[in-house]
Amino acid sequence: MSGKRYYPAFLDLAGRLVVIVGPAADLERKAARLARYGADVLVITPEPSEALLAAQANGDVGVEARAYVRGDLAGAALALCQSAAPEVQRAVFQEAVQVGCPVNIAGSVEHSSFIAPGVLHREPLQIAISTGGGAPQLAKALRRQLAEQFGAEWGAYTQLLTDVRAIALSGLADERSVDDLLESVIASDVFEQVRAGSSPTAQQVYERFAPTLGE
């Protein structure tokens, strides 16, 4: 195996500063996505698009209509640079390294401390796919395949299991019992019920399976 090896992680960016630098056309979708995760998004771009200005007016992102300058990453939890200008890429990367801020430089895996995977969203379920930046077309193809396998029912099912676990944590004596209960639910027909359009409540599922523990 050659090249970098990346440790996969899901970041909690709620209320944390994320700085995005580059041309407006390349920033709109990334800014909107990061805002949905609760990040405090600051977009620095010389010519903001109407979409970015509208997002700023709605309070979704902050926009500064100017070029990047050193010091813009102060306090940032994450930085993304979409600029194709080598001097901007270099400056953003150098500042990020200095302040200890994870940074992604578009088109430059070598100068990025993290890469963003392809993600299939079935909230709260998320499935991330990465080829280490080496074969992004494959990651896209795999995401399309997974989208066919994992429909919207997986989001409802994941939320149901999350709620069942919350009830079990307060109702059962130990973590092992909680694990056993969830494993029993997962091995049962509950998912098929959800996929068929049924909507069992978390309390109903808990009451069905809790008495079977230890059998």
N, C-alpha and C. Protein backbone atom coordinates (compact mmCIF):
# COMPACT_ATOMS: atom_id res chain seq x y z
N MET A 1 0.85 -1.20 0.00
CA MET A 1 0.00 0.00 0.00
C MET A 1 0.88 1.24 0.00
N SER A 2 0.55 2.19 -0.86
CA SER A 2 1.35 3.42 -0.95
C SER A 2 0.47 4.62 -0.65
N GLY A 3 1.11 5.77 -0.39
CA GLY A 3 0.39 7.00 -0.14
C GLY A 3 -0.11 7.09 1.29
N LYS A 4 -0.90 8.11 1.55
CA LYS A 4 -1.41 8.36 2.89
C LYS A 4 -2.50 7.36 3.26
N ARG A 5 -2.62 7.13 4.55
CA ARG A 5 -3.74 6.37 5.07
C ARG A 5 -4.53 7.29 5.99
N TYR A 6 -5.83 7.37 5.77
CA TYR A 6 -6.66 8.32 6.50
C TYR A 6 -7.50 7.62 7.56
N TYR A 7 -7.56 8.23 8.73
CA TYR A 7 -8.40 7.71 9.81
C TYR A 7 -9.81 8.28 9.64
N PRO A 8 -10.81 7.42 9.45
CA PRO A 8 -12.17 7.93 9.25
C PRO A 8 -12.78 8.44 10.55
N ALA A 9 -13.48 9.55 10.48
CA ALA A 9 -14.10 10.13 11.67
C ALA A 9 -15.29 10.99 11.26
N PHE A 10 -16.27 11.10 12.15
CA PHE A 10 -17.38 12.02 11.95
C PHE A 10 -17.21 13.15 12.96
N LEU A 11 -17.18 14.39 12.48
CA LEU A 11 -16.88 15.53 13.33
C LEU A 11 -18.15 16.23 13.79
N ASP A 12 -18.14 16.66 15.05
CA ASP A 12 -19.20 17.51 15.58
C ASP A 12 -18.79 18.96 15.34
N LEU A 13 -19.41 19.60 14.35
CA LEU A 13 -19.06 20.98 14.00
C LEU A 13 -20.09 21.99 14.49
N ALA A 14 -21.03 21.55 15.28
CA ALA A 14 -22.09 22.45 15.75
C ALA A 14 -21.50 23.64 16.50
N GLY A 15 -21.79 24.84 16.01
CA GLY A 15 -21.33 26.05 16.66
C GLY A 15 -19.86 26.35 16.48
N ARG A 16 -19.17 25.59 15.63
CA ARG A 16 -17.74 25.80 15.45
C ARG A 16 -17.47 26.48 14.10
N LEU A 17 -16.43 27.30 14.07
CA LEU A 17 -16.11 28.08 12.88
C LEU A 17 -15.50 27.22 11.78
N VAL A 18 -16.09 27.29 10.60
CA VAL A 18 -15.53 26.65 9.41
C VAL A 18 -15.32 27.73 8.36
N VAL A 19 -14.11 27.86 7.87
CA VAL A 19 -13.77 28.90 6.88
C VAL A 19 -13.61 28.25 5.51
N ILE A 20 -14.29 28.83 4.52
CA ILE A 20 -14.19 28.34 3.14
C ILE A 20 -13.69 29.48 2.27
N VAL A 21 -12.65 29.19 1.49
CA VAL A 21 -12.00 30.20 0.66
C VAL A 21 -12.06 29.79 -0.79
N GLY A 22 -12.39 30.74 -1.68
CA GLY A 22 -12.34 30.43 -3.10
C GLY A 22 -13.43 31.11 -3.91
N PRO A 23 -13.56 30.75 -5.18
CA PRO A 23 -14.58 31.33 -6.06
C PRO A 23 -15.99 30.94 -5.60
N ALA A 24 -16.92 31.86 -5.71
CA ALA A 24 -18.27 31.65 -5.20
C ALA A 24 -18.94 30.42 -5.78
N ALA A 25 -18.76 30.20 -7.08
CA ALA A 25 -19.45 29.09 -7.75
C ALA A 25 -19.06 27.74 -7.16
N ASP A 26 -17.87 27.65 -6.59
CA ASP A 26 -17.38 26.39 -6.04
C ASP A 26 -17.70 26.23 -4.56
N LEU A 27 -18.33 27.25 -3.96
CA LEU A 27 -18.50 27.24 -2.51
C LEU A 27 -19.93 27.04 -2.05
N GLU A 28 -20.90 27.33 -2.92
CA GLU A 28 -22.30 27.38 -2.48
C GLU A 28 -22.75 26.06 -1.86
N ARG A 29 -22.53 24.96 -2.56
CA ARG A 29 -23.02 23.66 -2.06
C ARG A 29 -22.30 23.25 -0.79
N LYS A 30 -20.98 23.46 -0.73
CA LYS A 30 -20.23 23.10 0.47
C LYS A 30 -20.67 23.93 1.66
N ALA A 31 -20.88 25.22 1.44
CA ALA A 31 -21.30 26.09 2.53
C ALA A 31 -22.67 25.68 3.06
N ALA A 32 -23.59 25.37 2.15
CA ALA A 32 -24.93 24.96 2.56
C ALA A 32 -24.88 23.65 3.33
N ARG A 33 -24.06 22.71 2.87
CA ARG A 33 -23.97 21.42 3.55
C ARG A 33 -23.40 21.57 4.95
N LEU A 34 -22.34 22.36 5.09
CA LEU A 34 -21.74 22.56 6.41
C LEU A 34 -22.69 23.28 7.35
N ALA A 35 -23.46 24.22 6.82
CA ALA A 35 -24.43 24.93 7.65
C ALA A 35 -25.49 23.98 8.19
N ARG A 36 -25.86 22.98 7.39
CA ARG A 36 -26.85 22.00 7.85
C ARG A 36 -26.33 21.17 9.01
N TYR A 37 -25.01 21.06 9.12
CA TYR A 37 -24.42 20.34 10.25
C TYR A 37 -24.24 21.25 11.47
N GLY A 38 -24.72 22.47 11.38
CA GLY A 38 -24.67 23.38 12.52
C GLY A 38 -23.40 24.18 12.63
N ALA A 39 -22.53 24.11 11.63
CA ALA A 39 -21.27 24.85 11.68
C ALA A 39 -21.52 26.35 11.52
N ASP A 40 -20.63 27.13 12.11
CA ASP A 40 -20.63 28.58 11.92
C ASP A 40 -19.76 28.85 10.69
N VAL A 41 -20.39 28.94 9.53
CA VAL A 41 -19.67 28.96 8.25
C VAL A 41 -19.33 30.40 7.85
N LEU A 42 -18.05 30.61 7.54
CA LEU A 42 -17.61 31.89 7.00
C LEU A 42 -17.04 31.65 5.61
N VAL A 43 -17.64 32.29 4.61
CA VAL A 43 -17.20 32.18 3.22
C VAL A 43 -16.42 33.43 2.86
N ILE A 44 -15.20 33.25 2.37
CA ILE A 44 -14.37 34.37 1.93
C ILE A 44 -14.18 34.23 0.43
N THR A 45 -14.78 35.13 -0.31
CA THR A 45 -14.74 35.06 -1.76
C THR A 45 -14.81 36.47 -2.35
N PRO A 46 -14.02 36.79 -3.34
CA PRO A 46 -13.99 38.16 -3.88
C PRO A 46 -15.32 38.61 -4.47
N GLU A 47 -16.06 37.70 -5.10
CA GLU A 47 -17.31 38.08 -5.75
C GLU A 47 -18.41 37.11 -5.32
N PRO A 48 -19.09 37.40 -4.21
CA PRO A 48 -20.13 36.49 -3.71
C PRO A 48 -21.27 36.35 -4.72
N SER A 49 -21.79 35.16 -4.83
CA SER A 49 -22.94 34.91 -5.71
C SER A 49 -24.22 35.34 -5.01
N GLU A 50 -25.29 35.45 -5.79
CA GLU A 50 -26.58 35.80 -5.21
C GLU A 50 -27.03 34.75 -4.21
N ALA A 51 -26.73 33.48 -4.49
CA ALA A 51 -27.12 32.41 -3.58
C ALA A 51 -26.41 32.55 -2.24
N LEU A 52 -25.13 32.89 -2.26
CA LEU A 52 -24.40 33.07 -1.02
C LEU A 52 -24.91 34.27 -0.24
N LEU A 53 -25.20 35.35 -0.94
CA LEU A 53 -25.71 36.54 -0.27
C LEU A 53 -27.09 36.27 0.32
N ALA A 54 -27.89 35.47 -0.37
CA ALA A 54 -29.21 35.10 0.16
C ALA A 54 -29.06 34.24 1.41
N ALA A 55 -28.08 33.33 1.38
CA ALA A 55 -27.84 32.49 2.55
C ALA A 55 -27.37 33.34 3.73
N GLN A 56 -26.57 34.37 3.44
CA GLN A 56 -26.13 35.26 4.50
C GLN A 56 -27.32 36.04 5.07
N ALA A 57 -28.19 36.50 4.20
CA ALA A 57 -29.37 37.26 4.66
C ALA A 57 -30.27 36.40 5.54
N ASN A 58 -30.29 35.10 5.26
CA ASN A 58 -31.09 34.17 6.06
C ASN A 58 -30.41 33.76 7.35
N GLY A 59 -29.16 34.19 7.51
CA GLY A 59 -28.42 33.83 8.71
C GLY A 59 -27.79 32.46 8.67
N ASP A 60 -27.74 31.86 7.48
CA ASP A 60 -27.18 30.51 7.36
C ASP A 60 -25.65 30.51 7.34
N VAL A 61 -25.05 31.51 6.67
CA VAL A 61 -23.60 31.60 6.56
C VAL A 61 -23.18 33.05 6.69
N GLY A 62 -21.91 33.25 6.95
CA GLY A 62 -21.33 34.58 6.89
C GLY A 62 -20.53 34.71 5.61
N VAL A 63 -20.54 35.88 5.01
CA VAL A 63 -19.84 36.10 3.74
C VAL A 63 -19.00 37.37 3.85
N GLU A 64 -17.74 37.26 3.44
CA GLU A 64 -16.87 38.44 3.34
C GLU A 64 -16.39 38.54 1.90
N ALA A 65 -16.76 39.63 1.23
CA ALA A 65 -16.47 39.82 -0.19
C ALA A 65 -15.06 40.39 -0.38
N ARG A 66 -14.10 39.51 -0.29
CA ARG A 66 -12.70 39.91 -0.42
C ARG A 66 -11.85 38.67 -0.63
N ALA A 67 -10.56 38.92 -0.88
CA ALA A 67 -9.62 37.81 -1.00
C ALA A 67 -9.18 37.34 0.38
N TYR A 68 -8.71 36.12 0.44
CA TYR A 68 -8.16 35.57 1.68
C TYR A 68 -6.93 36.37 2.11
N VAL A 69 -6.81 36.60 3.43
CA VAL A 69 -5.60 37.19 4.00
C VAL A 69 -5.18 36.36 5.21
N ARG A 70 -3.92 36.36 5.48
CA ARG A 70 -3.40 35.61 6.62
C ARG A 70 -4.09 36.08 7.90
N GLY A 71 -4.49 35.16 8.72
CA GLY A 71 -5.22 35.49 9.94
C GLY A 71 -6.68 35.09 9.85
N ASP A 72 -7.15 34.77 8.64
CA ASP A 72 -8.56 34.40 8.47
C ASP A 72 -8.92 33.07 9.13
N LEU A 73 -7.94 32.25 9.44
CA LEU A 73 -8.23 30.94 10.04
C LEU A 73 -8.16 30.96 11.56
N ALA A 74 -7.98 32.14 12.15
CA ALA A 74 -7.92 32.23 13.60
C ALA A 74 -9.21 31.70 14.21
N GLY A 75 -9.10 30.71 15.07
CA GLY A 75 -10.26 30.15 15.75
C GLY A 75 -11.04 29.13 14.95
N ALA A 76 -10.58 28.84 13.73
CA ALA A 76 -11.32 27.90 12.88
C ALA A 76 -11.11 26.47 13.33
N ALA A 77 -12.19 25.68 13.28
CA ALA A 77 -12.11 24.25 13.58
C ALA A 77 -11.81 23.46 12.31
N LEU A 78 -12.09 24.08 11.15
CA LEU A 78 -11.92 23.40 9.87
C LEU A 78 -11.77 24.46 8.79
N ALA A 79 -10.98 24.16 7.75
CA ALA A 79 -10.81 25.09 6.64
C ALA A 79 -10.86 24.33 5.34
N LEU A 80 -11.51 24.95 4.34
CA LEU A 80 -11.57 24.40 3.00
C LEU A 80 -11.14 25.48 2.02
N CYS A 81 -10.26 25.11 1.11
CA CYS A 81 -9.80 26.05 0.09
C CYS A 81 -10.15 25.50 -1.27
N GLN A 82 -11.03 26.22 -1.98
CA GLN A 82 -11.44 25.82 -3.32
C GLN A 82 -10.73 26.60 -4.41
N SER A 83 -9.85 27.52 -4.02
CA SER A 83 -9.13 28.33 -5.00
C SER A 83 -8.16 27.48 -5.80
N ALA A 84 -8.06 27.79 -7.10
CA ALA A 84 -7.11 27.09 -7.97
C ALA A 84 -5.76 27.80 -8.02
N ALA A 85 -5.68 28.97 -7.37
CA ALA A 85 -4.44 29.73 -7.39
C ALA A 85 -3.42 29.12 -6.44
N PRO A 86 -2.26 28.69 -6.95
CA PRO A 86 -1.25 28.03 -6.09
C PRO A 86 -0.85 28.87 -4.89
N GLU A 87 -0.74 30.20 -5.10
CA GLU A 87 -0.29 31.03 -4.00
C GLU A 87 -1.33 31.08 -2.87
N VAL A 88 -2.62 31.04 -3.24
CA VAL A 88 -3.68 31.03 -2.22
C VAL A 88 -3.69 29.69 -1.51
N GLN A 89 -3.60 28.62 -2.29
CA GLN A 89 -3.56 27.28 -1.69
C GLN A 89 -2.41 27.17 -0.69
N ARG A 90 -1.26 27.65 -1.10
CA ARG A 90 -0.07 27.56 -0.26
C ARG A 90 -0.26 28.37 1.02
N ALA A 91 -0.81 29.56 0.90
CA ALA A 91 -0.98 30.43 2.07
C ALA A 91 -1.99 29.85 3.05
N VAL A 92 -3.10 29.34 2.53
CA VAL A 92 -4.12 28.74 3.39
C VAL A 92 -3.55 27.51 4.10
N PHE A 93 -2.85 26.69 3.35
CA PHE A 93 -2.26 25.47 3.93
C PHE A 93 -1.26 25.83 5.03
N GLN A 94 -0.41 26.79 4.77
CA GLN A 94 0.62 27.16 5.74
C GLN A 94 -0.02 27.71 7.02
N GLU A 95 -1.04 28.55 6.88
CA GLU A 95 -1.68 29.08 8.08
C GLU A 95 -2.40 27.97 8.85
N ALA A 96 -3.05 27.07 8.13
CA ALA A 96 -3.76 25.98 8.79
C ALA A 96 -2.80 25.12 9.60
N VAL A 97 -1.65 24.82 9.03
CA VAL A 97 -0.64 24.04 9.75
C VAL A 97 -0.18 24.80 11.00
N GLN A 98 0.01 26.09 10.85
CA GLN A 98 0.52 26.89 11.96
C GLN A 98 -0.48 26.94 13.12
N VAL A 99 -1.77 27.09 12.81
CA VAL A 99 -2.78 27.22 13.87
C VAL A 99 -3.37 25.88 14.29
N GLY A 100 -2.96 24.80 13.62
CA GLY A 100 -3.46 23.48 13.98
C GLY A 100 -4.87 23.22 13.53
N CYS A 101 -5.24 23.78 12.39
CA CYS A 101 -6.59 23.64 11.85
C CYS A 101 -6.60 22.61 10.72
N PRO A 102 -7.41 21.57 10.79
CA PRO A 102 -7.52 20.63 9.66
C PRO A 102 -7.93 21.37 8.40
N VAL A 103 -7.31 21.05 7.27
CA VAL A 103 -7.56 21.80 6.04
C VAL A 103 -7.67 20.85 4.85
N ASN A 104 -8.55 21.19 3.94
CA ASN A 104 -8.68 20.48 2.68
C ASN A 104 -8.45 21.46 1.55
N ILE A 105 -7.45 21.18 0.72
CA ILE A 105 -7.15 22.00 -0.44
C ILE A 105 -7.68 21.26 -1.66
N ALA A 106 -8.68 21.82 -2.34
CA ALA A 106 -9.31 21.15 -3.47
C ALA A 106 -8.28 20.82 -4.54
N GLY A 107 -8.28 19.56 -4.97
CA GLY A 107 -7.38 19.14 -6.03
C GLY A 107 -5.96 18.86 -5.58
N SER A 108 -5.70 18.92 -4.27
CA SER A 108 -4.35 18.70 -3.78
C SER A 108 -4.41 17.82 -2.53
N VAL A 109 -4.49 16.52 -2.76
CA VAL A 109 -4.48 15.59 -1.63
C VAL A 109 -3.20 15.71 -0.83
N GLU A 110 -2.11 15.98 -1.53
CA GLU A 110 -0.80 16.06 -0.88
C GLU A 110 -0.73 17.17 0.16
N HIS A 111 -1.49 18.25 -0.06
CA HIS A 111 -1.45 19.39 0.86
C HIS A 111 -2.73 19.52 1.66
N SER A 112 -3.45 18.42 1.84
CA SER A 112 -4.66 18.40 2.65
C SER A 112 -4.43 17.50 3.85
N SER A 113 -4.86 17.96 5.01
CA SER A 113 -4.74 17.12 6.20
C SER A 113 -5.98 16.26 6.41
N PHE A 114 -7.03 16.51 5.62
CA PHE A 114 -8.18 15.62 5.62
C PHE A 114 -8.82 15.64 4.24
N ILE A 115 -9.55 14.59 3.92
CA ILE A 115 -10.33 14.55 2.69
C ILE A 115 -11.77 14.26 3.07
N ALA A 116 -12.69 14.80 2.29
CA ALA A 116 -14.11 14.59 2.56
C ALA A 116 -14.60 13.38 1.76
N PRO A 117 -15.19 12.40 2.42
CA PRO A 117 -15.66 11.21 1.71
C PRO A 117 -16.95 11.49 0.97
N GLY A 118 -17.30 10.58 0.07
CA GLY A 118 -18.64 10.59 -0.47
C GLY A 118 -19.57 10.05 0.60
N VAL A 119 -20.72 10.67 0.76
CA VAL A 119 -21.61 10.29 1.85
C VAL A 119 -23.01 10.04 1.33
N LEU A 120 -23.58 8.91 1.74
CA LEU A 120 -24.99 8.61 1.48
C LEU A 120 -25.76 8.97 2.75
N HIS A 121 -26.72 9.87 2.63
CA HIS A 121 -27.47 10.35 3.78
C HIS A 121 -28.82 9.65 3.87
N ARG A 122 -29.02 8.96 4.97
CA ARG A 122 -30.32 8.42 5.34
C ARG A 122 -30.49 8.74 6.82
N GLU A 123 -30.61 10.03 7.09
CA GLU A 123 -30.55 10.53 8.47
C GLU A 123 -31.45 9.73 9.40
N PRO A 124 -30.89 9.37 10.59
CA PRO A 124 -29.56 9.71 11.09
C PRO A 124 -28.44 8.77 10.62
N LEU A 125 -28.77 7.84 9.75
CA LEU A 125 -27.75 6.95 9.20
C LEU A 125 -26.97 7.69 8.12
N GLN A 126 -25.64 7.59 8.20
CA GLN A 126 -24.77 8.12 7.16
C GLN A 126 -23.75 7.05 6.80
N ILE A 127 -23.58 6.83 5.50
CA ILE A 127 -22.60 5.85 5.03
C ILE A 127 -21.55 6.60 4.24
N ALA A 128 -20.31 6.57 4.72
CA ALA A 128 -19.23 7.32 4.09
C ALA A 128 -18.36 6.37 3.26
N ILE A 129 -17.91 6.87 2.10
CA ILE A 129 -17.10 6.08 1.18
C ILE A 129 -15.88 6.90 0.79
N SER A 130 -14.72 6.29 0.88
CA SER A 130 -13.50 6.99 0.49
C SER A 130 -12.53 6.04 -0.19
N THR A 131 -11.84 6.55 -1.18
CA THR A 131 -10.76 5.79 -1.82
C THR A 131 -9.42 6.44 -1.48
N GLY A 132 -9.40 7.22 -0.41
CA GLY A 132 -8.16 7.90 -0.03
C GLY A 132 -7.80 9.03 -0.99
N GLY A 133 -8.78 9.50 -1.74
CA GLY A 133 -8.53 10.56 -2.70
C GLY A 133 -7.98 10.08 -4.02
N GLY A 134 -7.73 8.77 -4.15
CA GLY A 134 -7.08 8.26 -5.34
C GLY A 134 -8.01 7.92 -6.49
N ALA A 135 -9.26 7.57 -6.18
CA ALA A 135 -10.20 7.17 -7.23
C ALA A 135 -11.59 7.72 -6.91
N PRO A 136 -11.77 9.03 -6.97
CA PRO A 136 -13.06 9.63 -6.60
C PRO A 136 -14.22 9.16 -7.47
N GLN A 137 -13.95 8.80 -8.73
CA GLN A 137 -15.02 8.30 -9.58
C GLN A 137 -15.58 6.99 -9.05
N LEU A 138 -14.71 6.15 -8.49
CA LEU A 138 -15.17 4.90 -7.90
C LEU A 138 -16.04 5.17 -6.69
N ALA A 139 -15.63 6.12 -5.87
CA ALA A 139 -16.43 6.47 -4.70
C ALA A 139 -17.83 6.92 -5.11
N LYS A 140 -17.92 7.70 -6.18
CA LYS A 140 -19.23 8.15 -6.67
C LYS A 140 -20.06 6.97 -7.17
N ALA A 141 -19.42 6.06 -7.88
CA ALA A 141 -20.13 4.90 -8.40
C ALA A 141 -20.65 4.02 -7.26
N LEU A 142 -19.83 3.83 -6.23
CA LEU A 142 -20.25 3.04 -5.09
C LEU A 142 -21.38 3.71 -4.33
N ARG A 143 -21.33 5.03 -4.24
CA ARG A 143 -22.42 5.75 -3.57
C ARG A 143 -23.73 5.54 -4.30
N ARG A 144 -23.70 5.55 -5.63
CA ARG A 144 -24.92 5.32 -6.40
C ARG A 144 -25.46 3.91 -6.15
N GLN A 145 -24.56 2.95 -6.07
CA GLN A 145 -24.99 1.57 -5.81
C GLN A 145 -25.62 1.45 -4.43
N LEU A 146 -25.00 2.07 -3.45
CA LEU A 146 -25.52 2.01 -2.10
C LEU A 146 -26.87 2.71 -1.98
N ALA A 147 -27.05 3.78 -2.76
CA ALA A 147 -28.31 4.51 -2.72
C ALA A 147 -29.47 3.62 -3.16
N GLU A 148 -29.19 2.67 -4.05
CA GLU A 148 -30.22 1.74 -4.49
C GLU A 148 -30.51 0.69 -3.42
N GLN A 149 -29.51 0.35 -2.62
CA GLN A 149 -29.67 -0.67 -1.60
C GLN A 149 -30.27 -0.13 -0.30
N PHE A 150 -29.97 1.11 0.00
CA PHE A 150 -30.42 1.70 1.26
C PHE A 150 -31.41 2.83 0.97
N GLY A 151 -32.68 2.51 1.06
CA GLY A 151 -33.72 3.50 0.81
C GLY A 151 -34.04 4.32 2.04
N ALA A 152 -35.08 5.15 1.94
CA ALA A 152 -35.45 6.05 3.04
C ALA A 152 -35.83 5.30 4.30
N GLU A 153 -36.29 4.03 4.15
CA GLU A 153 -36.70 3.26 5.32
C GLU A 153 -35.55 3.06 6.31
N TRP A 154 -34.32 3.11 5.79
CA TRP A 154 -33.18 2.93 6.68
C TRP A 154 -33.02 4.09 7.66
N GLY A 155 -33.41 5.27 7.24
CA GLY A 155 -33.37 6.41 8.16
C GLY A 155 -34.36 6.23 9.30
N ALA A 156 -35.60 5.83 8.95
CA ALA A 156 -36.63 5.61 9.97
C ALA A 156 -36.22 4.48 10.91
N TYR A 157 -35.65 3.43 10.35
CA TYR A 157 -35.24 2.27 11.15
C TYR A 157 -34.10 2.64 12.10
N THR A 158 -33.13 3.39 11.61
CA THR A 158 -32.01 3.82 12.45
C THR A 158 -32.51 4.69 13.61
N GLN A 159 -33.44 5.59 13.31
CA GLN A 159 -33.98 6.44 14.37
C GLN A 159 -34.75 5.61 15.39
N LEU A 160 -35.49 4.62 14.91
CA LEU A 160 -36.22 3.74 15.83
C LEU A 160 -35.26 3.03 16.77
N LEU A 161 -34.18 2.46 16.22
CA LEU A 161 -33.20 1.78 17.06
C LEU A 161 -32.55 2.74 18.06
N THR A 162 -32.30 3.96 17.62
CA THR A 162 -31.73 4.97 18.51
C THR A 162 -32.65 5.23 19.68
N ASP A 163 -33.95 5.34 19.40
CA ASP A 163 -34.93 5.61 20.45
C ASP A 163 -35.11 4.41 21.38
N VAL A 164 -35.08 3.22 20.80
CA VAL A 164 -35.18 2.00 21.62
C VAL A 164 -33.99 1.92 22.57
N ARG A 165 -32.82 2.22 22.07
CA ARG A 165 -31.61 2.17 22.91
C ARG A 165 -31.70 3.17 24.05
N ALA A 166 -32.25 4.36 23.78
CA ALA A 166 -32.39 5.37 24.84
C ALA A 166 -33.30 4.86 25.95
N ILE A 167 -34.38 4.19 25.58
CA ILE A 167 -35.29 3.62 26.58
C ILE A 167 -34.59 2.50 27.34
N ALA A 168 -33.87 1.66 26.62
CA ALA A 168 -33.19 0.53 27.24
C ALA A 168 -32.12 0.98 28.23
N LEU A 169 -31.41 2.04 27.90
CA LEU A 169 -30.36 2.53 28.79
C LEU A 169 -30.90 2.96 30.15
N SER A 170 -32.14 3.43 30.16
CA SER A 170 -32.73 3.84 31.43
C SER A 170 -33.53 2.72 32.10
N GLY A 171 -33.85 1.68 31.34
CA GLY A 171 -34.70 0.62 31.89
C GLY A 171 -34.02 -0.67 32.21
N LEU A 172 -32.81 -0.88 31.69
CA LEU A 172 -32.10 -2.14 31.92
C LEU A 172 -30.91 -1.93 32.85
N ALA A 173 -30.47 -3.03 33.43
CA ALA A 173 -29.48 -2.95 34.50
C ALA A 173 -28.08 -2.63 34.03
N ASP A 174 -27.70 -3.09 32.83
CA ASP A 174 -26.31 -2.91 32.41
C ASP A 174 -26.23 -2.79 30.89
N GLU A 175 -25.05 -2.37 30.44
CA GLU A 175 -24.81 -2.14 29.01
C GLU A 175 -24.92 -3.43 28.22
N ARG A 176 -24.53 -4.53 28.82
CA ARG A 176 -24.60 -5.81 28.12
C ARG A 176 -26.05 -6.17 27.79
N SER A 177 -26.96 -5.90 28.72
CA SER A 177 -28.37 -6.17 28.47
C SER A 177 -28.90 -5.29 27.35
N VAL A 178 -28.44 -4.05 27.32
CA VAL A 178 -28.85 -3.14 26.24
C VAL A 178 -28.37 -3.68 24.90
N ASP A 179 -27.12 -4.12 24.85
CA ASP A 179 -26.58 -4.68 23.62
C ASP A 179 -27.37 -5.90 23.17
N ASP A 180 -27.69 -6.78 24.12
CA ASP A 180 -28.44 -7.99 23.79
C ASP A 180 -29.82 -7.65 23.22
N LEU A 181 -30.46 -6.66 23.83
CA LEU A 181 -31.79 -6.26 23.35
C LEU A 181 -31.72 -5.73 21.93
N LEU A 182 -30.76 -4.83 21.67
CA LEU A 182 -30.65 -4.26 20.33
C LEU A 182 -30.31 -5.32 19.30
N GLU A 183 -29.46 -6.27 19.66
CA GLU A 183 -29.13 -7.35 18.73
C GLU A 183 -30.35 -8.20 18.41
N SER A 184 -31.21 -8.40 19.41
CA SER A 184 -32.44 -9.17 19.19
C SER A 184 -33.37 -8.42 18.25
N VAL A 185 -33.47 -7.11 18.43
CA VAL A 185 -34.32 -6.30 17.55
C VAL A 185 -33.81 -6.35 16.12
N ILE A 186 -32.51 -6.20 15.95
CA ILE A 186 -31.91 -6.17 14.62
C ILE A 186 -32.08 -7.51 13.92
N ALA A 187 -32.06 -8.60 14.68
CA ALA A 187 -32.20 -9.93 14.09
C ALA A 187 -33.67 -10.31 13.83
N SER A 188 -34.58 -9.45 14.23
CA SER A 188 -36.01 -9.76 14.14
C SER A 188 -36.61 -9.23 12.84
N ASP A 189 -37.94 -9.19 12.81
CA ASP A 189 -38.67 -8.72 11.64
C ASP A 189 -39.01 -7.23 11.70
N VAL A 190 -38.44 -6.51 12.67
CA VAL A 190 -38.80 -5.10 12.84
C VAL A 190 -38.46 -4.28 11.61
N PHE A 191 -37.28 -4.52 11.03
CA PHE A 191 -36.93 -3.76 9.83
C PHE A 191 -37.92 -4.01 8.71
N GLU A 192 -38.34 -5.25 8.52
CA GLU A 192 -39.31 -5.56 7.47
C GLU A 192 -40.62 -4.84 7.72
N GLN A 193 -41.01 -4.70 8.97
CA GLN A 193 -42.22 -3.95 9.30
C GLN A 193 -42.09 -2.49 8.88
N VAL A 194 -40.93 -1.91 9.21
CA VAL A 194 -40.69 -0.50 8.85
C VAL A 194 -40.68 -0.34 7.34
N ARG A 195 -40.02 -1.24 6.64
CA ARG A 195 -39.95 -1.17 5.18
C ARG A 195 -41.33 -1.33 4.55
N ALA A 196 -42.21 -2.08 5.20
CA ALA A 196 -43.56 -2.29 4.67
C ALA A 196 -44.49 -1.12 4.98
N GLY A 197 -43.99 -0.15 5.74
CA GLY A 197 -44.80 1.03 6.02
C GLY A 197 -45.34 1.09 7.42
N SER A 198 -45.07 0.08 8.23
CA SER A 198 -45.52 0.09 9.62
C SER A 198 -44.66 1.06 10.43
N SER A 199 -45.23 1.57 11.50
CA SER A 199 -44.49 2.55 12.31
C SER A 199 -44.57 2.17 13.79
N PRO A 200 -43.92 1.06 14.17
CA PRO A 200 -43.92 0.71 15.60
C PRO A 200 -43.18 1.78 16.40
N THR A 201 -43.66 2.05 17.59
CA THR A 201 -42.98 3.03 18.43
C THR A 201 -41.82 2.36 19.15
N ALA A 202 -40.90 3.17 19.62
CA ALA A 202 -39.75 2.63 20.35
C ALA A 202 -40.21 1.91 21.62
N GLN A 203 -41.23 2.46 22.28
CA GLN A 203 -41.74 1.83 23.49
C GLN A 203 -42.34 0.46 23.19
N GLN A 204 -43.06 0.35 22.08
CA GLN A 204 -43.64 -0.93 21.70
C GLN A 204 -42.55 -1.97 21.42
N VAL A 205 -41.52 -1.55 20.72
CA VAL A 205 -40.42 -2.47 20.41
C VAL A 205 -39.71 -2.89 21.69
N TYR A 206 -39.47 -1.94 22.55
CA TYR A 206 -38.80 -2.26 23.82
C TYR A 206 -39.62 -3.26 24.63
N GLU A 207 -40.91 -3.00 24.76
CA GLU A 207 -41.76 -3.89 25.55
C GLU A 207 -41.88 -5.28 24.93
N ARG A 208 -41.73 -5.36 23.62
CA ARG A 208 -41.78 -6.67 22.96
C ARG A 208 -40.53 -7.49 23.27
N PHE A 209 -39.36 -6.85 23.28
CA PHE A 209 -38.12 -7.60 23.36
C PHE A 209 -37.50 -7.65 24.76
N ALA A 210 -37.78 -6.68 25.61
CA ALA A 210 -37.17 -6.68 26.94
C ALA A 210 -37.48 -7.95 27.73
N PRO A 211 -38.72 -8.46 27.68
CA PRO A 211 -39.00 -9.68 28.47
C PRO A 211 -38.28 -10.92 27.97
N THR A 212 -37.75 -10.89 26.74
CA THR A 212 -37.09 -12.08 26.20
C THR A 212 -35.63 -12.18 26.58
N LEU A 213 -35.09 -11.15 27.21
CA LEU A 213 -33.67 -11.18 27.59
C LEU A 213 -33.41 -12.35 28.54
N GLY A 214 -32.35 -13.07 28.27
CA GLY A 214 -31.98 -14.18 29.13
C GLY A 214 -32.61 -15.48 28.75
N GLU A 215 -33.51 -15.46 27.75
CA GLU A 215 -34.14 -16.71 27.34
C GLU A 215 -33.17 -17.56 26.51
